[in-house]
Amino acid sequence: VVAGCNGGTSPQTGALPTQRAARHVVSSSSGGYSTKKSLLFVADQLQSAVLIYQTSDLRKNPAPIATIYYGNSGPFGMALDKKGTLYVADNNLSQIEEYSKGSTTLKTTITDGVSNPVGIAIDQHGTLYVTANSPAAIEEYSKGSTSPSKTITGGGLSNPFGLALDHAGNLYIADIGETVTRRPPT
């Protein structure tokens, strides 16, 4: 489960510890975390961090099992692909960051076509959708690509924020300057 500015599905619980560190310093000593249990990923802009929790422990208000710190930056939307790869929209640095399943070590960044991203979604085929702010657009990245394969513009987009996909592949765009827009799969 992923929670953040992309309209995540699970609420944050309780107060979280306040910590600061340099960019991409991780609290787990191994640079990773176990993926054998259900996990919750929380984009916490106040702490400039992605907090990773085991869902079975949430009622106890636990400390995160791992944390990715962003220093002067801020994680917003997040998405997980079928393999468990975590994609994080880093709004301040205008990039998408990719972390392999179970890893807190940055694998790669996507910067081509990215402009102050906050919303991110990934479909069942591995296509990544990212909000862009200037100009208002949704960038589409084919599986494994670091360059956009398609740009969705027009149709009243003014300030796209959150993205979601349904089981049929319809892309839903929450636009804080407009209303929610549904785009059928292409």
N, C-alpha and C. Protein backbone atom coordinates (compact mmCIF):
# COMPACT_ATOMS: atom_id res chain seq x y z
N VAL A 1 0.85 -1.17 0.00
CA VAL A 1 0.00 0.00 0.00
C VAL A 1 0.89 1.23 0.00
N VAL A 2 0.51 2.22 -0.78
CA VAL A 2 1.26 3.46 -0.87
C VAL A 2 0.36 4.59 -0.42
N ALA A 3 0.87 5.50 0.40
CA ALA A 3 0.09 6.65 0.83
C ALA A 3 0.90 7.91 0.57
N GLY A 4 0.26 8.92 0.09
CA GLY A 4 0.95 10.18 -0.18
C GLY A 4 0.04 11.12 -0.93
N CYS A 5 0.61 12.05 -1.62
CA CYS A 5 -0.17 13.05 -2.34
C CYS A 5 -0.81 12.52 -3.61
N ASN A 6 -0.60 11.26 -3.92
CA ASN A 6 -1.23 10.70 -5.11
C ASN A 6 -2.57 10.07 -4.78
N GLY A 7 -3.14 10.44 -3.63
CA GLY A 7 -4.44 9.90 -3.26
C GLY A 7 -4.33 8.49 -2.73
N GLY A 8 -3.32 8.25 -1.91
CA GLY A 8 -3.08 6.93 -1.36
C GLY A 8 -4.30 6.38 -0.64
N THR A 9 -4.28 5.08 -0.38
CA THR A 9 -5.46 4.42 0.14
C THR A 9 -5.45 4.18 1.63
N SER A 10 -4.36 4.41 2.31
CA SER A 10 -4.30 4.14 3.74
C SER A 10 -3.93 5.39 4.52
N PRO A 11 -4.59 5.62 5.65
CA PRO A 11 -4.29 6.80 6.44
C PRO A 11 -3.01 6.63 7.25
N GLN A 12 -2.38 7.76 7.57
CA GLN A 12 -1.26 7.74 8.50
C GLN A 12 -1.83 7.50 9.88
N THR A 13 -1.05 6.85 10.74
CA THR A 13 -1.52 6.62 12.09
C THR A 13 -0.53 7.20 13.07
N GLY A 14 -1.05 7.94 14.04
CA GLY A 14 -0.22 8.43 15.13
C GLY A 14 0.84 9.42 14.73
N ALA A 15 1.58 9.86 15.73
CA ALA A 15 2.67 10.80 15.51
C ALA A 15 3.90 10.04 15.05
N LEU A 16 4.63 10.62 14.13
CA LEU A 16 5.84 9.99 13.61
C LEU A 16 7.06 10.73 14.13
N PRO A 17 8.18 10.04 14.33
CA PRO A 17 9.37 10.70 14.86
C PRO A 17 9.91 11.74 13.88
N THR A 18 10.46 12.81 14.43
CA THR A 18 11.04 13.85 13.60
C THR A 18 12.54 13.64 13.53
N GLN A 19 13.04 13.47 12.30
CA GLN A 19 14.46 13.26 12.08
C GLN A 19 14.85 13.98 10.82
N ARG A 20 16.08 14.45 10.74
CA ARG A 20 16.60 15.09 9.53
C ARG A 20 17.94 14.47 9.21
N ALA A 21 18.24 14.37 7.93
CA ALA A 21 19.53 13.83 7.51
C ALA A 21 19.79 14.29 6.10
N ALA A 22 20.97 13.97 5.62
CA ALA A 22 21.33 14.33 4.25
C ALA A 22 20.50 13.51 3.27
N ARG A 23 20.46 13.96 2.07
CA ARG A 23 19.68 13.31 1.02
C ARG A 23 20.01 11.83 0.89
N HIS A 24 18.98 11.02 0.86
CA HIS A 24 19.06 9.57 0.67
C HIS A 24 19.87 8.84 1.73
N VAL A 25 19.94 9.37 2.93
CA VAL A 25 20.52 8.61 4.04
C VAL A 25 19.40 7.73 4.58
N VAL A 26 19.69 6.49 4.84
CA VAL A 26 18.67 5.53 5.20
C VAL A 26 18.84 5.09 6.65
N SER A 27 17.71 4.91 7.35
CA SER A 27 17.80 4.53 8.75
C SER A 27 18.08 3.05 8.95
N SER A 28 17.77 2.20 7.98
CA SER A 28 18.07 0.78 8.16
C SER A 28 19.55 0.56 7.82
N SER A 29 20.23 -0.17 8.66
CA SER A 29 21.67 -0.33 8.49
C SER A 29 22.04 -1.13 7.24
N SER A 30 21.14 -1.98 6.77
CA SER A 30 21.46 -2.82 5.62
C SER A 30 21.20 -2.13 4.28
N GLY A 31 20.55 -0.96 4.28
CA GLY A 31 20.20 -0.31 3.02
C GLY A 31 18.98 -0.94 2.38
N GLY A 32 18.26 -1.74 3.16
CA GLY A 32 17.08 -2.39 2.62
C GLY A 32 16.10 -2.75 3.71
N TYR A 33 15.04 -3.45 3.31
CA TYR A 33 14.00 -3.86 4.25
C TYR A 33 13.37 -5.14 3.72
N SER A 34 12.78 -5.90 4.62
CA SER A 34 12.14 -7.16 4.25
C SER A 34 10.83 -6.88 3.52
N THR A 35 10.58 -7.63 2.47
CA THR A 35 9.34 -7.49 1.71
C THR A 35 8.45 -8.71 1.86
N LYS A 36 8.72 -9.54 2.86
CA LYS A 36 7.95 -10.77 3.06
C LYS A 36 6.57 -10.51 3.64
N LYS A 37 6.35 -9.33 4.22
CA LYS A 37 5.07 -8.97 4.81
C LYS A 37 4.50 -7.76 4.08
N SER A 38 3.22 -7.51 4.29
CA SER A 38 2.56 -6.36 3.69
C SER A 38 3.16 -5.07 4.24
N LEU A 39 3.40 -4.10 3.34
CA LEU A 39 4.06 -2.86 3.73
C LEU A 39 3.21 -1.64 3.40
N LEU A 40 3.44 -0.57 4.13
CA LEU A 40 2.83 0.73 3.87
C LEU A 40 3.96 1.72 3.63
N PHE A 41 3.89 2.45 2.52
CA PHE A 41 4.88 3.49 2.18
C PHE A 41 4.18 4.84 2.35
N VAL A 42 4.77 5.73 3.14
CA VAL A 42 4.17 7.02 3.40
C VAL A 42 5.12 8.13 2.94
N ALA A 43 4.63 9.00 2.05
CA ALA A 43 5.41 10.17 1.65
C ALA A 43 5.12 11.25 2.69
N ASP A 44 6.10 11.58 3.49
CA ASP A 44 5.95 12.56 4.57
C ASP A 44 6.72 13.82 4.20
N GLN A 45 6.01 14.83 3.69
CA GLN A 45 6.66 16.07 3.28
C GLN A 45 7.22 16.86 4.46
N LEU A 46 6.60 16.76 5.64
CA LEU A 46 7.10 17.48 6.80
C LEU A 46 8.48 16.98 7.24
N GLN A 47 8.71 15.68 7.10
CA GLN A 47 10.00 15.10 7.46
C GLN A 47 10.92 14.95 6.25
N SER A 48 10.43 15.29 5.07
CA SER A 48 11.18 15.10 3.82
C SER A 48 11.69 13.66 3.73
N ALA A 49 10.75 12.72 3.85
CA ALA A 49 11.14 11.31 3.89
C ALA A 49 10.02 10.41 3.38
N VAL A 50 10.42 9.23 2.91
CA VAL A 50 9.48 8.13 2.67
C VAL A 50 9.65 7.19 3.85
N LEU A 51 8.57 6.96 4.58
CA LEU A 51 8.58 6.09 5.74
C LEU A 51 7.98 4.75 5.34
N ILE A 52 8.62 3.66 5.74
CA ILE A 52 8.18 2.32 5.35
C ILE A 52 7.82 1.55 6.62
N TYR A 53 6.56 1.07 6.66
CA TYR A 53 6.03 0.37 7.82
C TYR A 53 5.54 -1.02 7.43
N GLN A 54 5.57 -1.95 8.38
CA GLN A 54 4.88 -3.23 8.20
C GLN A 54 3.43 -2.99 8.61
N THR A 55 2.49 -3.35 7.74
CA THR A 55 1.08 -3.07 8.05
C THR A 55 0.58 -3.84 9.26
N SER A 56 1.15 -5.00 9.54
CA SER A 56 0.71 -5.78 10.69
C SER A 56 1.00 -5.09 12.01
N ASP A 57 1.91 -4.12 12.02
CA ASP A 57 2.30 -3.43 13.25
C ASP A 57 1.63 -2.07 13.42
N LEU A 58 0.83 -1.61 12.47
CA LEU A 58 0.32 -0.24 12.49
C LEU A 58 -0.51 0.10 13.72
N ARG A 59 -1.24 -0.84 14.27
CA ARG A 59 -2.06 -0.57 15.46
C ARG A 59 -1.21 -0.19 16.67
N LYS A 60 0.06 -0.58 16.65
CA LYS A 60 0.98 -0.30 17.76
C LYS A 60 1.70 1.04 17.59
N ASN A 61 1.42 1.77 16.50
CA ASN A 61 2.11 3.03 16.18
C ASN A 61 3.63 2.84 16.20
N PRO A 62 4.13 1.94 15.35
CA PRO A 62 5.55 1.58 15.37
C PRO A 62 6.44 2.63 14.70
N ALA A 63 7.71 2.49 14.93
CA ALA A 63 8.70 3.26 14.17
C ALA A 63 8.78 2.62 12.79
N PRO A 64 9.17 3.37 11.77
CA PRO A 64 9.32 2.76 10.44
C PRO A 64 10.41 1.69 10.45
N ILE A 65 10.24 0.68 9.60
CA ILE A 65 11.28 -0.35 9.48
C ILE A 65 12.42 0.15 8.59
N ALA A 66 12.15 1.17 7.77
CA ALA A 66 13.18 1.80 6.95
C ALA A 66 12.68 3.20 6.57
N THR A 67 13.61 4.09 6.30
CA THR A 67 13.28 5.46 5.94
C THR A 67 14.24 5.94 4.87
N ILE A 68 13.71 6.62 3.87
CA ILE A 68 14.53 7.27 2.86
C ILE A 68 14.39 8.77 3.09
N TYR A 69 15.48 9.45 3.44
CA TYR A 69 15.45 10.88 3.72
C TYR A 69 15.78 11.69 2.48
N TYR A 70 15.18 12.86 2.39
CA TYR A 70 15.35 13.70 1.21
C TYR A 70 15.97 15.06 1.50
N GLY A 71 16.51 15.31 2.66
CA GLY A 71 17.19 16.58 2.95
C GLY A 71 16.35 17.78 2.60
N ASN A 72 16.76 18.55 1.58
CA ASN A 72 16.06 19.77 1.18
C ASN A 72 15.00 19.51 0.13
N SER A 73 14.63 18.30 -0.06
CA SER A 73 13.72 17.93 -1.12
C SER A 73 12.44 17.35 -0.53
N GLY A 74 11.52 16.93 -1.38
CA GLY A 74 10.28 16.42 -0.85
C GLY A 74 9.62 15.36 -1.70
N PRO A 75 9.37 14.18 -1.11
CA PRO A 75 8.64 13.16 -1.83
C PRO A 75 7.15 13.47 -1.85
N PHE A 76 6.51 13.22 -2.96
CA PHE A 76 5.06 13.42 -3.05
C PHE A 76 4.41 12.11 -3.45
N GLY A 77 3.96 11.98 -4.68
CA GLY A 77 3.31 10.76 -5.12
C GLY A 77 4.27 9.60 -5.20
N MET A 78 3.72 8.39 -5.00
CA MET A 78 4.51 7.17 -5.10
C MET A 78 3.69 6.10 -5.80
N ALA A 79 4.38 5.15 -6.40
CA ALA A 79 3.72 4.01 -7.04
C ALA A 79 4.65 2.80 -6.97
N LEU A 80 4.04 1.63 -6.89
CA LEU A 80 4.77 0.36 -6.92
C LEU A 80 4.36 -0.39 -8.17
N ASP A 81 5.36 -0.97 -8.88
CA ASP A 81 5.02 -1.81 -10.02
C ASP A 81 4.82 -3.25 -9.55
N LYS A 82 4.52 -4.15 -10.47
CA LYS A 82 4.25 -5.54 -10.13
C LYS A 82 5.43 -6.23 -9.47
N LYS A 83 6.64 -5.79 -9.78
CA LYS A 83 7.85 -6.40 -9.21
C LYS A 83 8.19 -5.83 -7.84
N GLY A 84 7.46 -4.79 -7.40
CA GLY A 84 7.73 -4.17 -6.11
C GLY A 84 8.69 -3.00 -6.19
N THR A 85 9.03 -2.56 -7.40
CA THR A 85 9.89 -1.39 -7.56
C THR A 85 9.10 -0.16 -7.12
N LEU A 86 9.72 0.67 -6.29
CA LEU A 86 9.09 1.88 -5.77
C LEU A 86 9.51 3.07 -6.63
N TYR A 87 8.53 3.84 -7.10
CA TYR A 87 8.77 5.07 -7.84
C TYR A 87 8.29 6.22 -6.98
N VAL A 88 9.13 7.25 -6.80
CA VAL A 88 8.80 8.39 -5.96
C VAL A 88 8.91 9.67 -6.77
N ALA A 89 7.88 10.50 -6.74
CA ALA A 89 7.90 11.81 -7.39
C ALA A 89 8.58 12.79 -6.44
N ASP A 90 9.75 13.26 -6.80
CA ASP A 90 10.50 14.25 -6.01
C ASP A 90 10.21 15.62 -6.62
N ASN A 91 9.29 16.34 -6.01
CA ASN A 91 8.81 17.60 -6.55
C ASN A 91 9.89 18.67 -6.60
N ASN A 92 10.67 18.81 -5.57
CA ASN A 92 11.66 19.89 -5.51
C ASN A 92 12.79 19.72 -6.51
N LEU A 93 13.19 18.49 -6.78
CA LEU A 93 14.28 18.25 -7.72
C LEU A 93 13.78 17.93 -9.13
N SER A 94 12.46 17.94 -9.32
CA SER A 94 11.84 17.65 -10.63
C SER A 94 12.38 16.35 -11.23
N GLN A 95 12.19 15.26 -10.47
CA GLN A 95 12.62 13.96 -10.96
C GLN A 95 11.78 12.85 -10.35
N ILE A 96 11.80 11.72 -11.02
CA ILE A 96 11.20 10.50 -10.50
C ILE A 96 12.36 9.60 -10.08
N GLU A 97 12.27 9.07 -8.87
CA GLU A 97 13.34 8.23 -8.35
C GLU A 97 12.85 6.79 -8.27
N GLU A 98 13.71 5.86 -8.61
CA GLU A 98 13.37 4.45 -8.66
C GLU A 98 14.20 3.68 -7.64
N TYR A 99 13.51 2.85 -6.83
CA TYR A 99 14.15 2.01 -5.82
C TYR A 99 13.73 0.56 -6.06
N SER A 100 14.67 -0.34 -6.20
CA SER A 100 14.35 -1.76 -6.38
C SER A 100 13.61 -2.29 -5.18
N LYS A 101 12.85 -3.37 -5.38
CA LYS A 101 12.09 -3.99 -4.30
C LYS A 101 12.99 -4.29 -3.11
N GLY A 102 12.58 -3.82 -1.93
CA GLY A 102 13.31 -4.09 -0.71
C GLY A 102 14.54 -3.23 -0.49
N SER A 103 14.80 -2.29 -1.40
CA SER A 103 16.01 -1.47 -1.29
C SER A 103 15.68 -0.02 -0.97
N THR A 104 16.53 0.59 -0.18
CA THR A 104 16.41 2.01 0.10
C THR A 104 17.51 2.80 -0.60
N THR A 105 18.22 2.13 -1.49
CA THR A 105 19.29 2.75 -2.26
C THR A 105 18.74 3.18 -3.62
N LEU A 106 18.96 4.43 -3.96
CA LEU A 106 18.48 4.97 -5.22
C LEU A 106 19.08 4.19 -6.38
N LYS A 107 18.21 3.66 -7.27
CA LYS A 107 18.66 2.89 -8.42
C LYS A 107 18.89 3.79 -9.62
N THR A 108 17.91 4.63 -9.94
CA THR A 108 18.01 5.53 -11.08
C THR A 108 17.04 6.69 -10.92
N THR A 109 17.23 7.71 -11.71
CA THR A 109 16.30 8.84 -11.73
C THR A 109 15.82 9.06 -13.16
N ILE A 110 14.61 9.58 -13.26
CA ILE A 110 14.03 9.99 -14.53
C ILE A 110 13.85 11.49 -14.46
N THR A 111 14.49 12.21 -15.37
CA THR A 111 14.37 13.67 -15.38
C THR A 111 13.81 14.21 -16.69
N ASP A 112 13.93 13.44 -17.77
CA ASP A 112 13.48 13.88 -19.09
C ASP A 112 11.96 14.03 -19.10
N GLY A 113 11.46 15.24 -19.32
CA GLY A 113 10.03 15.50 -19.37
C GLY A 113 9.39 15.73 -18.03
N VAL A 114 10.16 15.68 -16.95
CA VAL A 114 9.61 15.82 -15.61
C VAL A 114 9.68 17.29 -15.17
N SER A 115 8.53 17.83 -14.73
CA SER A 115 8.46 19.22 -14.28
C SER A 115 7.63 19.29 -13.00
N ASN A 116 8.28 19.43 -11.87
CA ASN A 116 7.63 19.52 -10.56
C ASN A 116 6.54 18.46 -10.38
N PRO A 117 6.90 17.18 -10.43
CA PRO A 117 5.90 16.12 -10.33
C PRO A 117 5.33 15.98 -8.92
N VAL A 118 4.05 15.73 -8.82
CA VAL A 118 3.43 15.41 -7.54
C VAL A 118 2.62 14.12 -7.65
N GLY A 119 1.99 13.89 -8.80
CA GLY A 119 1.19 12.70 -9.00
C GLY A 119 1.92 11.69 -9.85
N ILE A 120 1.72 10.42 -9.53
CA ILE A 120 2.38 9.34 -10.25
C ILE A 120 1.50 8.10 -10.16
N ALA A 121 1.46 7.34 -11.24
CA ALA A 121 0.71 6.08 -11.25
C ALA A 121 1.40 5.14 -12.23
N ILE A 122 1.22 3.84 -12.03
CA ILE A 122 1.81 2.86 -12.93
C ILE A 122 0.73 1.81 -13.24
N ASP A 123 0.60 1.48 -14.53
CA ASP A 123 -0.45 0.54 -14.91
C ASP A 123 0.06 -0.90 -14.87
N GLN A 124 -0.84 -1.84 -15.18
CA GLN A 124 -0.51 -3.27 -15.10
C GLN A 124 0.55 -3.70 -16.10
N HIS A 125 0.81 -2.87 -17.12
CA HIS A 125 1.83 -3.19 -18.12
C HIS A 125 3.17 -2.53 -17.82
N GLY A 126 3.24 -1.75 -16.73
CA GLY A 126 4.48 -1.09 -16.35
C GLY A 126 4.64 0.30 -16.93
N THR A 127 3.59 0.83 -17.56
CA THR A 127 3.64 2.20 -18.08
C THR A 127 3.50 3.16 -16.91
N LEU A 128 4.40 4.12 -16.83
CA LEU A 128 4.44 5.10 -15.74
C LEU A 128 3.81 6.39 -16.22
N TYR A 129 2.92 6.97 -15.40
CA TYR A 129 2.27 8.25 -15.69
C TYR A 129 2.70 9.24 -14.62
N VAL A 130 3.12 10.45 -15.05
CA VAL A 130 3.66 11.45 -14.13
C VAL A 130 3.04 12.80 -14.44
N THR A 131 2.59 13.52 -13.41
CA THR A 131 2.09 14.87 -13.63
C THR A 131 3.25 15.80 -13.96
N ALA A 132 2.99 16.76 -14.82
CA ALA A 132 3.96 17.81 -15.14
C ALA A 132 3.27 19.13 -14.91
N ASN A 133 4.02 20.09 -14.44
CA ASN A 133 3.43 21.37 -14.06
C ASN A 133 3.61 22.46 -15.11
N SER A 134 4.68 22.41 -15.86
CA SER A 134 4.96 23.52 -16.76
C SER A 134 5.44 23.02 -18.10
N PRO A 135 4.61 22.88 -19.10
CA PRO A 135 3.17 23.18 -19.09
C PRO A 135 2.39 22.06 -18.42
N ALA A 136 1.11 22.32 -18.13
CA ALA A 136 0.25 21.33 -17.50
C ALA A 136 0.08 20.13 -18.42
N ALA A 137 0.54 18.97 -17.96
CA ALA A 137 0.49 17.78 -18.80
C ALA A 137 0.67 16.54 -17.93
N ILE A 138 0.40 15.40 -18.54
CA ILE A 138 0.72 14.11 -17.96
C ILE A 138 1.71 13.46 -18.91
N GLU A 139 2.89 13.11 -18.39
CA GLU A 139 3.90 12.44 -19.21
C GLU A 139 3.73 10.93 -19.04
N GLU A 140 3.81 10.20 -20.13
CA GLU A 140 3.68 8.75 -20.12
C GLU A 140 5.03 8.14 -20.50
N TYR A 141 5.50 7.21 -19.67
CA TYR A 141 6.79 6.55 -19.89
C TYR A 141 6.53 5.06 -20.08
N SER A 142 6.91 4.52 -21.22
CA SER A 142 6.78 3.09 -21.45
C SER A 142 7.65 2.34 -20.45
N LYS A 143 7.29 1.10 -20.17
CA LYS A 143 8.03 0.29 -19.20
C LYS A 143 9.53 0.32 -19.50
N GLY A 144 10.32 0.68 -18.48
CA GLY A 144 11.77 0.70 -18.59
C GLY A 144 12.36 1.94 -19.24
N SER A 145 11.53 2.85 -19.73
CA SER A 145 12.02 4.04 -20.42
C SER A 145 12.28 5.19 -19.45
N THR A 146 13.27 6.02 -19.75
CA THR A 146 13.52 7.22 -18.96
C THR A 146 13.17 8.49 -19.75
N SER A 147 12.57 8.31 -20.92
CA SER A 147 12.10 9.43 -21.74
C SER A 147 10.62 9.22 -22.01
N PRO A 148 9.83 10.31 -22.00
CA PRO A 148 8.40 10.15 -22.23
C PRO A 148 8.10 9.63 -23.64
N SER A 149 7.14 8.70 -23.72
CA SER A 149 6.71 8.17 -25.01
C SER A 149 5.48 8.92 -25.53
N LYS A 150 4.81 9.61 -24.61
CA LYS A 150 3.58 10.32 -24.96
C LYS A 150 3.35 11.42 -23.93
N THR A 151 2.72 12.50 -24.38
CA THR A 151 2.35 13.59 -23.47
C THR A 151 0.86 13.86 -23.63
N ILE A 152 0.15 13.85 -22.50
CA ILE A 152 -1.29 14.15 -22.49
C ILE A 152 -1.45 15.61 -22.09
N THR A 153 -2.05 16.41 -22.96
CA THR A 153 -2.28 17.83 -22.67
C THR A 153 -3.72 18.17 -23.06
N GLY A 154 -4.09 19.41 -22.82
CA GLY A 154 -5.41 19.88 -23.24
C GLY A 154 -6.53 19.32 -22.39
N GLY A 155 -7.73 19.38 -22.92
CA GLY A 155 -8.90 18.86 -22.21
C GLY A 155 -9.17 19.56 -20.91
N GLY A 156 -8.68 20.78 -20.75
CA GLY A 156 -8.91 21.53 -19.52
C GLY A 156 -7.87 21.35 -18.44
N LEU A 157 -6.78 20.61 -18.72
CA LEU A 157 -5.73 20.46 -17.70
C LEU A 157 -5.13 21.82 -17.36
N SER A 158 -5.11 22.14 -16.08
CA SER A 158 -4.48 23.39 -15.68
C SER A 158 -3.43 23.19 -14.58
N ASN A 159 -3.68 22.25 -13.66
CA ASN A 159 -2.72 21.99 -12.60
C ASN A 159 -2.91 20.55 -12.11
N PRO A 160 -2.50 19.56 -12.94
CA PRO A 160 -2.71 18.16 -12.55
C PRO A 160 -1.93 17.83 -11.28
N PHE A 161 -2.58 17.11 -10.38
CA PHE A 161 -1.98 16.83 -9.08
C PHE A 161 -1.92 15.33 -8.82
N GLY A 162 -3.05 14.69 -8.64
CA GLY A 162 -3.08 13.27 -8.33
C GLY A 162 -3.47 12.44 -9.53
N LEU A 163 -2.96 11.20 -9.56
CA LEU A 163 -3.28 10.26 -10.63
C LEU A 163 -3.69 8.93 -10.02
N ALA A 164 -4.61 8.25 -10.70
CA ALA A 164 -5.01 6.90 -10.30
C ALA A 164 -5.46 6.15 -11.54
N LEU A 165 -5.30 4.84 -11.50
CA LEU A 165 -5.74 3.96 -12.58
C LEU A 165 -6.73 2.96 -12.03
N ASP A 166 -7.75 2.64 -12.83
CA ASP A 166 -8.66 1.57 -12.40
C ASP A 166 -8.25 0.27 -13.10
N HIS A 167 -8.99 -0.81 -12.82
CA HIS A 167 -8.64 -2.13 -13.37
C HIS A 167 -8.76 -2.19 -14.88
N ALA A 168 -9.58 -1.31 -15.47
CA ALA A 168 -9.74 -1.29 -16.92
C ALA A 168 -8.66 -0.49 -17.62
N GLY A 169 -7.79 0.17 -16.84
CA GLY A 169 -6.71 0.97 -17.42
C GLY A 169 -7.07 2.42 -17.64
N ASN A 170 -8.26 2.85 -17.15
CA ASN A 170 -8.62 4.26 -17.24
C ASN A 170 -7.76 5.07 -16.29
N LEU A 171 -7.23 6.18 -16.78
CA LEU A 171 -6.41 7.08 -15.97
C LEU A 171 -7.30 8.20 -15.45
N TYR A 172 -7.28 8.41 -14.14
CA TYR A 172 -8.04 9.49 -13.52
C TYR A 172 -7.06 10.56 -13.07
N ILE A 173 -7.37 11.81 -13.42
CA ILE A 173 -6.49 12.93 -13.13
C ILE A 173 -7.21 13.91 -12.21
N ALA A 174 -6.67 14.12 -11.02
CA ALA A 174 -7.20 15.15 -10.12
C ALA A 174 -6.45 16.43 -10.43
N ASP A 175 -7.16 17.42 -10.86
CA ASP A 175 -6.57 18.70 -11.27
C ASP A 175 -7.02 19.75 -10.27
N ILE A 176 -6.11 20.30 -9.48
CA ILE A 176 -6.52 21.25 -8.45
C ILE A 176 -6.97 22.58 -9.03
N GLY A 177 -6.78 22.76 -10.34
CA GLY A 177 -7.29 23.94 -11.01
C GLY A 177 -8.61 23.68 -11.70
N GLU A 178 -9.01 22.40 -11.79
CA GLU A 178 -10.23 22.00 -12.50
C GLU A 178 -10.96 20.94 -11.69
N THR A 179 -11.45 19.93 -12.37
CA THR A 179 -12.17 18.82 -11.75
C THR A 179 -11.48 17.51 -12.11
N VAL A 180 -11.96 16.42 -11.58
CA VAL A 180 -11.38 15.11 -11.90
C VAL A 180 -11.74 14.76 -13.35
N THR A 181 -10.74 14.32 -14.09
CA THR A 181 -10.92 13.98 -15.50
C THR A 181 -10.60 12.50 -15.68
N ARG A 182 -11.42 11.80 -16.48
CA ARG A 182 -11.17 10.39 -16.78
C ARG A 182 -10.66 10.29 -18.20
N ARG A 183 -9.51 9.63 -18.37
CA ARG A 183 -8.95 9.38 -19.70
C ARG A 183 -8.99 7.88 -19.95
N PRO A 184 -9.70 7.45 -21.02
CA PRO A 184 -9.72 6.01 -21.31
C PRO A 184 -8.33 5.53 -21.73
N PRO A 185 -8.08 4.22 -21.56
CA PRO A 185 -6.77 3.69 -21.96
C PRO A 185 -6.58 3.84 -23.46
N THR A 186 -5.30 3.96 -23.87
CA THR A 186 -5.01 4.10 -25.30
C THR A 186 -4.42 2.85 -25.86
